Full PDB file with SEQRES, HELIX, SHEET, SSBOND, CRYST1, ORIGX, SCALE, CONECT and MASTER records, all heavy atoms in Angstrom:
SEQRES   1 A   30  VAL ALA LYS GLU MET GLU LYS LEU LEU ALA GLN ILE ILE          
SEQRES   2 A   30  HIS ARG GLU LYS ALA GLU GLU GLN HIS GLU ALA GLU ALA          
SEQRES   3 A   30  LEU ARG ALA GLU                                              
HELIX    1 AA1 ALA A    2  ALA A   29  1                                  28    
CRYST1    1.000    1.000    1.000  90.00  90.00  90.00 P 1           1          
ORIGX1      1.000000  0.000000  0.000000        0.00000                         
ORIGX2      0.000000  1.000000  0.000000        0.00000                         
ORIGX3      0.000000  0.000000  1.000000        0.00000                         
SCALE1      1.000000  0.000000  0.000000        0.00000                         
SCALE2      0.000000  1.000000  0.000000        0.00000                         
SCALE3      0.000000  0.000000  1.000000        0.00000                         
ATOM      1  N   VAL A   1      20.383  28.857  19.233  1.00  0.00           N  
ATOM      2  CA  VAL A   1      19.456  27.745  19.489  1.00  0.00           C  
ATOM      3  C   VAL A   1      19.583  26.704  18.377  1.00  0.00           C  
ATOM      4  O   VAL A   1      19.683  25.511  18.623  1.00  0.00           O  
ATOM      5  CB  VAL A   1      18.005  28.255  19.585  1.00  0.00           C  
ATOM      6  CG1 VAL A   1      17.025  27.079  19.552  1.00  0.00           C  
ATOM      7  CG2 VAL A   1      17.806  29.061  20.859  1.00  0.00           C  
ATOM      8  N   ALA A   2      19.594  27.177  17.123  1.00  0.00           N  
ATOM      9  CA  ALA A   2      19.705  26.259  15.985  1.00  0.00           C  
ATOM     10  C   ALA A   2      21.018  25.484  16.011  1.00  0.00           C  
ATOM     11  O   ALA A   2      21.047  24.293  15.700  1.00  0.00           O  
ATOM     12  CB  ALA A   2      19.569  27.035  14.682  1.00  0.00           C  
ATOM     13  N   LYS A   3      22.097  26.153  16.393  1.00  0.00           N  
ATOM     14  CA  LYS A   3      23.400  25.483  16.439  1.00  0.00           C  
ATOM     15  C   LYS A   3      23.420  24.386  17.500  1.00  0.00           C  
ATOM     16  O   LYS A   3      23.983  23.312  17.285  1.00  0.00           O  
ATOM     17  CB  LYS A   3      24.506  26.508  16.699  1.00  0.00           C  
ATOM     18  CG  LYS A   3      24.768  27.435  15.515  1.00  0.00           C  
ATOM     19  CD  LYS A   3      25.743  28.544  15.868  1.00  0.00           C  
ATOM     20  CE  LYS A   3      25.925  29.511  14.695  1.00  0.00           C  
ATOM     21  NZ  LYS A   3      26.792  30.665  15.054  1.00  0.00           N  
ATOM     22  N   GLU A   4      22.786  24.649  18.651  1.00  0.00           N  
ATOM     23  CA  GLU A   4      22.726  23.627  19.698  1.00  0.00           C  
ATOM     24  C   GLU A   4      21.805  22.486  19.276  1.00  0.00           C  
ATOM     25  O   GLU A   4      22.078  21.309  19.574  1.00  0.00           O  
ATOM     26  CB  GLU A   4      22.249  24.238  21.016  1.00  0.00           C  
ATOM     27  CG  GLU A   4      23.238  25.200  21.646  1.00  0.00           C  
ATOM     28  CD  GLU A   4      24.572  24.556  22.000  1.00  0.00           C  
ATOM     29  OE1 GLU A   4      24.594  23.340  22.307  1.00  0.00           O  
ATOM     30  OE2 GLU A   4      25.603  25.260  21.974  1.00  0.00           O  
ATOM     31  N   MET A   5      20.730  22.800  18.571  1.00  0.00           N  
ATOM     32  CA  MET A   5      19.854  21.745  18.036  1.00  0.00           C  
ATOM     33  C   MET A   5      20.624  20.889  17.046  1.00  0.00           C  
ATOM     34  O   MET A   5      20.485  19.662  17.023  1.00  0.00           O  
ATOM     35  CB  MET A   5      18.626  22.373  17.368  1.00  0.00           C  
ATOM     36  CG  MET A   5      17.644  23.013  18.325  1.00  0.00           C  
ATOM     37  SD  MET A   5      16.236  23.772  17.442  1.00  0.00           S  
ATOM     38  CE  MET A   5      15.393  22.290  16.809  1.00  0.00           C  
ATOM     39  N   GLU A   6      21.436  21.555  16.216  1.00  0.00           N  
ATOM     40  CA  GLU A   6      22.241  20.843  15.219  1.00  0.00           C  
ATOM     41  C   GLU A   6      23.211  19.874  15.901  1.00  0.00           C  
ATOM     42  O   GLU A   6      23.409  18.754  15.427  1.00  0.00           O  
ATOM     43  CB  GLU A   6      22.997  21.854  14.357  1.00  0.00           C  
ATOM     44  CG  GLU A   6      24.110  21.282  13.507  1.00  0.00           C  
ATOM     45  CD  GLU A   6      23.668  20.184  12.561  1.00  0.00           C  
ATOM     46  OE1 GLU A   6      22.484  20.167  12.186  1.00  0.00           O  
ATOM     47  OE2 GLU A   6      24.509  19.341  12.218  1.00  0.00           O  
ATOM     48  N   LYS A   7      23.804  20.276  17.017  1.00  0.00           N  
ATOM     49  CA  LYS A   7      24.711  19.387  17.758  1.00  0.00           C  
ATOM     50  C   LYS A   7      23.976  18.138  18.238  1.00  0.00           C  
ATOM     51  O   LYS A   7      24.493  17.016  18.152  1.00  0.00           O  
ATOM     52  CB  LYS A   7      25.317  20.124  18.955  1.00  0.00           C  
ATOM     53  CG  LYS A   7      26.318  21.205  18.604  1.00  0.00           C  
ATOM     54  CD  LYS A   7      26.818  21.897  19.861  1.00  0.00           C  
ATOM     55  CE  LYS A   7      27.722  23.075  19.544  1.00  0.00           C  
ATOM     56  NZ  LYS A   7      28.153  23.789  20.781  1.00  0.00           N  
ATOM     57  N   LEU A   8      22.762  18.334  18.742  1.00  0.00           N  
ATOM     58  CA  LEU A   8      21.970  17.197  19.224  1.00  0.00           C  
ATOM     59  C   LEU A   8      21.575  16.279  18.077  1.00  0.00           C  
ATOM     60  O   LEU A   8      21.589  15.052  18.203  1.00  0.00           O  
ATOM     61  CB  LEU A   8      20.726  17.705  19.955  1.00  0.00           C  
ATOM     62  CG  LEU A   8      20.992  18.414  21.287  1.00  0.00           C  
ATOM     63  CD1 LEU A   8      19.708  19.067  21.809  1.00  0.00           C  
ATOM     64  CD2 LEU A   8      21.530  17.436  22.316  1.00  0.00           C  
ATOM     65  N   LEU A   9      21.213  16.876  16.939  1.00  0.00           N  
ATOM     66  CA  LEU A   9      20.862  16.070  15.761  1.00  0.00           C  
ATOM     67  C   LEU A   9      22.072  15.285  15.260  1.00  0.00           C  
ATOM     68  O   LEU A   9      21.945  14.137  14.827  1.00  0.00           O  
ATOM     69  CB  LEU A   9      20.309  16.971  14.656  1.00  0.00           C  
ATOM     70  CG  LEU A   9      18.916  17.553  14.915  1.00  0.00           C  
ATOM     71  CD1 LEU A   9      18.577  18.610  13.876  1.00  0.00           C  
ATOM     72  CD2 LEU A   9      17.853  16.441  14.902  1.00  0.00           C  
ATOM     73  N   ALA A  10      23.251  15.913  15.332  1.00  0.00           N  
ATOM     74  CA  ALA A  10      24.485  15.224  14.925  1.00  0.00           C  
ATOM     75  C   ALA A  10      24.747  14.022  15.819  1.00  0.00           C  
ATOM     76  O   ALA A  10      25.194  12.959  15.351  1.00  0.00           O  
ATOM     77  CB  ALA A  10      25.669  16.184  14.963  1.00  0.00           C  
ATOM     78  N   GLN A  11      24.455  14.155  17.102  1.00  0.00           N  
ATOM     79  CA  GLN A  11      24.613  13.032  18.033  1.00  0.00           C  
ATOM     80  C   GLN A  11      23.654  11.904  17.677  1.00  0.00           C  
ATOM     81  O   GLN A  11      24.017  10.718  17.733  1.00  0.00           O  
ATOM     82  CB  GLN A  11      24.357  13.499  19.466  1.00  0.00           C  
ATOM     83  CG  GLN A  11      25.423  14.426  20.022  1.00  0.00           C  
ATOM     84  CD  GLN A  11      25.063  14.953  21.403  1.00  0.00           C  
ATOM     85  OE1 GLN A  11      24.134  14.454  22.056  1.00  0.00           O  
ATOM     86  NE2 GLN A  11      25.779  15.962  21.863  1.00  0.00           N  
ATOM     87  N   ILE A  12      22.423  12.269  17.314  1.00  0.00           N  
ATOM     88  CA  ILE A  12      21.431  11.258  16.926  1.00  0.00           C  
ATOM     89  C   ILE A  12      21.888  10.537  15.668  1.00  0.00           C  
ATOM     90  O   ILE A  12      21.800   9.307  15.567  1.00  0.00           O  
ATOM     91  CB  ILE A  12      20.054  11.927  16.708  1.00  0.00           C  
ATOM     92  CG1 ILE A  12      19.497  12.428  18.048  1.00  0.00           C  
ATOM     93  CG2 ILE A  12      19.083  10.948  16.056  1.00  0.00           C  
ATOM     94  CD1 ILE A  12      18.241  13.261  17.919  1.00  0.00           C  
ATOM     95  N   ILE A  13      22.395  11.300  14.684  1.00  0.00           N  
ATOM     96  CA  ILE A  13      22.882  10.699  13.440  1.00  0.00           C  
ATOM     97  C   ILE A  13      24.042   9.752  13.728  1.00  0.00           C  
ATOM     98  O   ILE A  13      24.112   8.639  13.200  1.00  0.00           O  
ATOM     99  CB  ILE A  13      23.319  11.803  12.447  1.00  0.00           C  
ATOM    100  CG1 ILE A  13      22.092  12.595  11.976  1.00  0.00           C  
ATOM    101  CG2 ILE A  13      24.059  11.199  11.257  1.00  0.00           C  
ATOM    102  CD1 ILE A  13      22.446  13.842  11.173  1.00  0.00           C  
ATOM    103  N   HIS A  14      24.964  10.182  14.582  1.00  0.00           N  
ATOM    104  CA  HIS A  14      26.117   9.362  14.945  1.00  0.00           C  
ATOM    105  C   HIS A  14      25.661   8.065  15.614  1.00  0.00           C  
ATOM    106  O   HIS A  14      26.168   6.978  15.296  1.00  0.00           O  
ATOM    107  CB  HIS A  14      27.037  10.147  15.885  1.00  0.00           C  
ATOM    108  CG  HIS A  14      28.247   9.380  16.321  1.00  0.00           C  
ATOM    109  ND1 HIS A  14      29.330   9.144  15.494  1.00  0.00           N  
ATOM    110  CD2 HIS A  14      28.535   8.761  17.505  1.00  0.00           C  
ATOM    111  CE1 HIS A  14      30.234   8.435  16.140  1.00  0.00           C  
ATOM    112  NE2 HIS A  14      29.780   8.192  17.372  1.00  0.00           N  
ATOM    113  N   ARG A  15      24.691   8.189  16.522  1.00  0.00           N  
ATOM    114  CA  ARG A  15      24.181   7.007  17.226  1.00  0.00           C  
ATOM    115  C   ARG A  15      23.478   6.051  16.251  1.00  0.00           C  
ATOM    116  O   ARG A  15      23.649   4.829  16.328  1.00  0.00           O  
ATOM    117  CB  ARG A  15      23.219   7.438  18.336  1.00  0.00           C  
ATOM    118  CG  ARG A  15      22.736   6.289  19.208  1.00  0.00           C  
ATOM    119  CD  ARG A  15      22.064   6.805  20.460  1.00  0.00           C  
ATOM    120  NE  ARG A  15      20.885   7.607  20.195  1.00  0.00           N  
ATOM    121  CZ  ARG A  15      20.794   8.912  20.428  1.00  0.00           C  
ATOM    122  NH1 ARG A  15      21.842   9.571  20.902  1.00  0.00           N  
ATOM    123  NH2 ARG A  15      19.683   9.560  20.171  1.00  0.00           N  
ATOM    124  N   GLU A  16      22.707   6.612  15.330  1.00  0.00           N  
ATOM    125  CA  GLU A  16      22.011   5.777  14.346  1.00  0.00           C  
ATOM    126  C   GLU A  16      23.000   5.040  13.445  1.00  0.00           C  
ATOM    127  O   GLU A  16      22.802   3.856  13.135  1.00  0.00           O  
ATOM    128  CB  GLU A  16      21.062   6.645  13.500  1.00  0.00           C  
ATOM    129  CG  GLU A  16      19.847   7.121  14.257  1.00  0.00           C  
ATOM    130  CD  GLU A  16      18.997   8.080  13.442  1.00  0.00           C  
ATOM    131  OE1 GLU A  16      19.471   8.560  12.389  1.00  0.00           O  
ATOM    132  OE2 GLU A  16      17.870   8.344  13.848  1.00  0.00           O  
ATOM    133  N   LYS A  17      24.060   5.728  13.036  1.00  0.00           N  
ATOM    134  CA  LYS A  17      25.071   5.088  12.191  1.00  0.00           C  
ATOM    135  C   LYS A  17      25.778   3.968  12.948  1.00  0.00           C  
ATOM    136  O   LYS A  17      26.072   2.906  12.388  1.00  0.00           O  
ATOM    137  CB  LYS A  17      26.090   6.127  11.710  1.00  0.00           C  
ATOM    138  CG  LYS A  17      25.553   7.062  10.637  1.00  0.00           C  
ATOM    139  CD  LYS A  17      26.627   8.015  10.139  1.00  0.00           C  
ATOM    140  CE  LYS A  17      26.096   8.891   9.003  1.00  0.00           C  
ATOM    141  NZ  LYS A  17      27.125   9.853   8.524  1.00  0.00           N  
ATOM    142  N   ALA A  18      26.043   4.206  14.242  1.00  0.00           N  
ATOM    143  CA  ALA A  18      26.693   3.178  15.062  1.00  0.00           C  
ATOM    144  C   ALA A  18      25.798   1.959  15.198  1.00  0.00           C  
ATOM    145  O   ALA A  18      26.260   0.802  15.127  1.00  0.00           O  
ATOM    146  CB  ALA A  18      27.038   3.741  16.442  1.00  0.00           C  
ATOM    147  N   GLU A  19      24.497   2.203  15.369  1.00  0.00           N  
ATOM    148  CA  GLU A  19      23.547   1.097  15.485  1.00  0.00           C  
ATOM    149  C   GLU A  19      23.452   0.324  14.174  1.00  0.00           C  
ATOM    150  O   GLU A  19      23.394  -0.907  14.172  1.00  0.00           O  
ATOM    151  CB  GLU A  19      22.165   1.641  15.879  1.00  0.00           C  
ATOM    152  CG  GLU A  19      22.113   2.153  17.321  1.00  0.00           C  
ATOM    153  CD  GLU A  19      20.798   2.853  17.634  1.00  0.00           C  
ATOM    154  OE1 GLU A  19      19.974   3.015  16.706  1.00  0.00           O  
ATOM    155  OE2 GLU A  19      20.589   3.234  18.802  1.00  0.00           O  
ATOM    156  N   GLU A  20      23.452   1.060  13.051  1.00  0.00           N  
ATOM    157  CA  GLU A  20      23.401   0.397  11.743  1.00  0.00           C  
ATOM    158  C   GLU A  20      24.654  -0.450  11.527  1.00  0.00           C  
ATOM    159  O   GLU A  20      24.571  -1.574  11.007  1.00  0.00           O  
ATOM    160  CB  GLU A  20      23.293   1.456  10.641  1.00  0.00           C  
ATOM    161  CG  GLU A  20      21.942   2.148  10.582  1.00  0.00           C  
ATOM    162  CD  GLU A  20      21.923   3.270   9.571  1.00  0.00           C  
ATOM    163  OE1 GLU A  20      22.964   3.478   8.896  1.00  0.00           O  
ATOM    164  OE2 GLU A  20      20.879   3.940   9.443  1.00  0.00           O  
ATOM    165  N   GLN A  21      25.814   0.072  11.926  1.00  0.00           N  
ATOM    166  CA  GLN A  21      27.059  -0.668  11.766  1.00  0.00           C  
ATOM    167  C   GLN A  21      27.042  -1.924  12.642  1.00  0.00           C  
ATOM    168  O   GLN A  21      27.470  -2.996  12.211  1.00  0.00           O  
ATOM    169  CB  GLN A  21      28.247   0.210  12.145  1.00  0.00           C  
ATOM    170  CG  GLN A  21      29.600  -0.477  11.942  1.00  0.00           C  
ATOM    171  CD  GLN A  21      30.767   0.440  12.237  1.00  0.00           C  
ATOM    172  OE1 GLN A  21      30.590   1.623  12.473  1.00  0.00           O  
ATOM    173  NE2 GLN A  21      31.969  -0.104  12.225  1.00  0.00           N  
ATOM    174  N   HIS A  22      26.530  -1.772  13.860  1.00  0.00           N  
ATOM    175  CA  HIS A  22      26.445  -2.921  14.768  1.00  0.00           C  
ATOM    176  C   HIS A  22      25.539  -4.001  14.185  1.00  0.00           C  
ATOM    177  O   HIS A  22      25.860  -5.192  14.223  1.00  0.00           O  
ATOM    178  CB  HIS A  22      25.918  -2.468  16.128  1.00  0.00           C  
ATOM    179  CG  HIS A  22      25.745  -3.580  17.113  1.00  0.00           C  
ATOM    180  ND1 HIS A  22      26.805  -4.209  17.724  1.00  0.00           N  
ATOM    181  CD2 HIS A  22      24.612  -4.201  17.576  1.00  0.00           C  
ATOM    182  CE1 HIS A  22      26.352  -5.158  18.527  1.00  0.00           C  
ATOM    183  NE2 HIS A  22      25.024  -5.163  18.454  1.00  0.00           N  
ATOM    184  N   GLU A  23      24.379  -3.572  13.618  1.00  0.00           N  
ATOM    185  CA  GLU A  23      23.448  -4.525  13.013  1.00  0.00           C  
ATOM    186  C   GLU A  23      24.077  -5.211  11.803  1.00  0.00           C  
ATOM    187  O   GLU A  23      23.892  -6.416  11.602  1.00  0.00           O  
ATOM    188  CB  GLU A  23      22.159  -3.804  12.611  1.00  0.00           C  
ATOM    189  CG  GLU A  23      21.313  -3.355  13.802  1.00  0.00           C  
ATOM    190  CD  GLU A  23      20.119  -2.530  13.368  1.00  0.00           C  
ATOM    191  OE1 GLU A  23      19.950  -2.311  12.142  1.00  0.00           O  
ATOM    192  OE2 GLU A  23      19.362  -2.090  14.242  1.00  0.00           O  
ATOM    193  N   ALA A  24      24.819  -4.425  11.009  1.00  0.00           N  
ATOM    194  CA  ALA A  24      25.472  -4.995   9.821  1.00  0.00           C  
ATOM    195  C   ALA A  24      26.524  -6.020  10.230  1.00  0.00           C  
ATOM    196  O   ALA A  24      26.642  -7.095   9.618  1.00  0.00           O  
ATOM    197  CB  ALA A  24      26.101  -3.884   8.987  1.00  0.00           C  
ATOM    198  N   GLU A  25      27.292  -5.705  11.265  1.00  0.00           N  
ATOM    199  CA  GLU A  25      28.326  -6.631  11.739  1.00  0.00           C  
ATOM    200  C   GLU A  25      27.700  -7.892  12.309  1.00  0.00           C  
ATOM    201  O   GLU A  25      28.203  -9.000  12.098  1.00  0.00           O  
ATOM    202  CB  GLU A  25      29.196  -5.934  12.794  1.00  0.00           C  
ATOM    203  CG  GLU A  25      30.098  -4.851  12.214  1.00  0.00           C  
ATOM    204  CD  GLU A  25      30.839  -4.075  13.283  1.00  0.00           C  
ATOM    205  OE1 GLU A  25      30.513  -4.266  14.478  1.00  0.00           O  
ATOM    206  OE2 GLU A  25      31.738  -3.282  12.932  1.00  0.00           O  
ATOM    207  N   ALA A  26      26.595  -7.746  13.021  1.00  0.00           N  
ATOM    208  CA  ALA A  26      25.908  -8.907  13.596  1.00  0.00           C  
ATOM    209  C   ALA A  26      25.358  -9.791  12.478  1.00  0.00           C  
ATOM    210  O   ALA A  26      25.433 -11.040  12.551  1.00  0.00           O  
ATOM    211  CB  ALA A  26      24.778  -8.447  14.508  1.00  0.00           C  
ATOM    212  N   LEU A  27      24.812  -9.164  11.442  1.00  0.00           N  
ATOM    213  CA  LEU A  27      24.267  -9.924  10.313  1.00  0.00           C  
ATOM    214  C   LEU A  27      25.379 -10.654   9.565  1.00  0.00           C  
ATOM    215  O   LEU A  27      25.225 -11.829   9.169  1.00  0.00           O  
ATOM    216  CB  LEU A  27      23.527  -8.971   9.366  1.00  0.00           C  
ATOM    217  CG  LEU A  27      22.765  -9.610   8.199  1.00  0.00           C  
ATOM    218  CD1 LEU A  27      21.679 -10.549   8.733  1.00  0.00           C  
ATOM    219  CD2 LEU A  27      22.141  -8.525   7.313  1.00  0.00           C  
ATOM    220  N   ARG A  28      26.518  -9.963   9.382  1.00  0.00           N  
ATOM    221  CA  ARG A  28      27.650 -10.577   8.715  1.00  0.00           C  
ATOM    222  C   ARG A  28      28.181 -11.771   9.526  1.00  0.00           C  
ATOM    223  O   ARG A  28      28.507 -12.826   8.969  1.00  0.00           O  
ATOM    224  CB  ARG A  28      28.765  -9.542   8.508  1.00  0.00           C  
ATOM    225  CG  ARG A  28      29.933 -10.066   7.672  1.00  0.00           C  
ATOM    226  CD  ARG A  28      30.729  -8.939   7.060  1.00  0.00           C  
ATOM    227  NE  ARG A  28      31.159  -7.988   8.060  1.00  0.00           N  
ATOM    228  CZ  ARG A  28      30.742  -6.720   8.109  1.00  0.00           C  
ATOM    229  NH1 ARG A  28      29.882  -6.271   7.216  1.00  0.00           N  
ATOM    230  NH2 ARG A  28      31.173  -5.901   9.047  1.00  0.00           N  
ATOM    231  N   ALA A  29      28.240 -11.615  10.827  1.00  0.00           N  
ATOM    232  CA  ALA A  29      28.709 -12.700  11.698  1.00  0.00           C  
ATOM    233  C   ALA A  29      27.749 -13.891  11.618  1.00  0.00           C  
ATOM    234  O   ALA A  29      28.179 -15.053  11.611  1.00  0.00           O  
ATOM    235  CB  ALA A  29      28.822 -12.205  13.140  1.00  0.00           C  
ATOM    236  N   GLU A  30      26.472 -13.592  11.532  1.00  0.00           N  
ATOM    237  CA  GLU A  30      25.466 -14.658  11.434  1.00  0.00           C  
ATOM    238  C   GLU A  30      25.625 -15.417  10.116  1.00  0.00           C  
ATOM    239  O   GLU A  30      25.585 -16.658  10.083  1.00  0.00           O  
ATOM    240  CB  GLU A  30      24.060 -14.045  11.525  1.00  0.00           C  
ATOM    241  CG  GLU A  30      22.938 -15.067  11.489  1.00  0.00           C  
ATOM    242  CD  GLU A  30      21.566 -14.423  11.558  1.00  0.00           C  
ATOM    243  OE1 GLU A  30      21.443 -13.317  12.144  1.00  0.00           O  
ATOM    244  OE2 GLU A  30      20.605 -15.011  11.014  1.00  0.00           O  
TER     245      GLU A  30                                                      
MASTER        0    0    0    1    0    0    0    6  244    1    0    3          
END                                                                             
């Protein structure tokens, strides 16, 4: 159960990092 929870948390972390990168790129472009 913990390992499957960890996989889901890793997906959330990956998505958050992608969103942060997108925001940083948008700010840089601005």
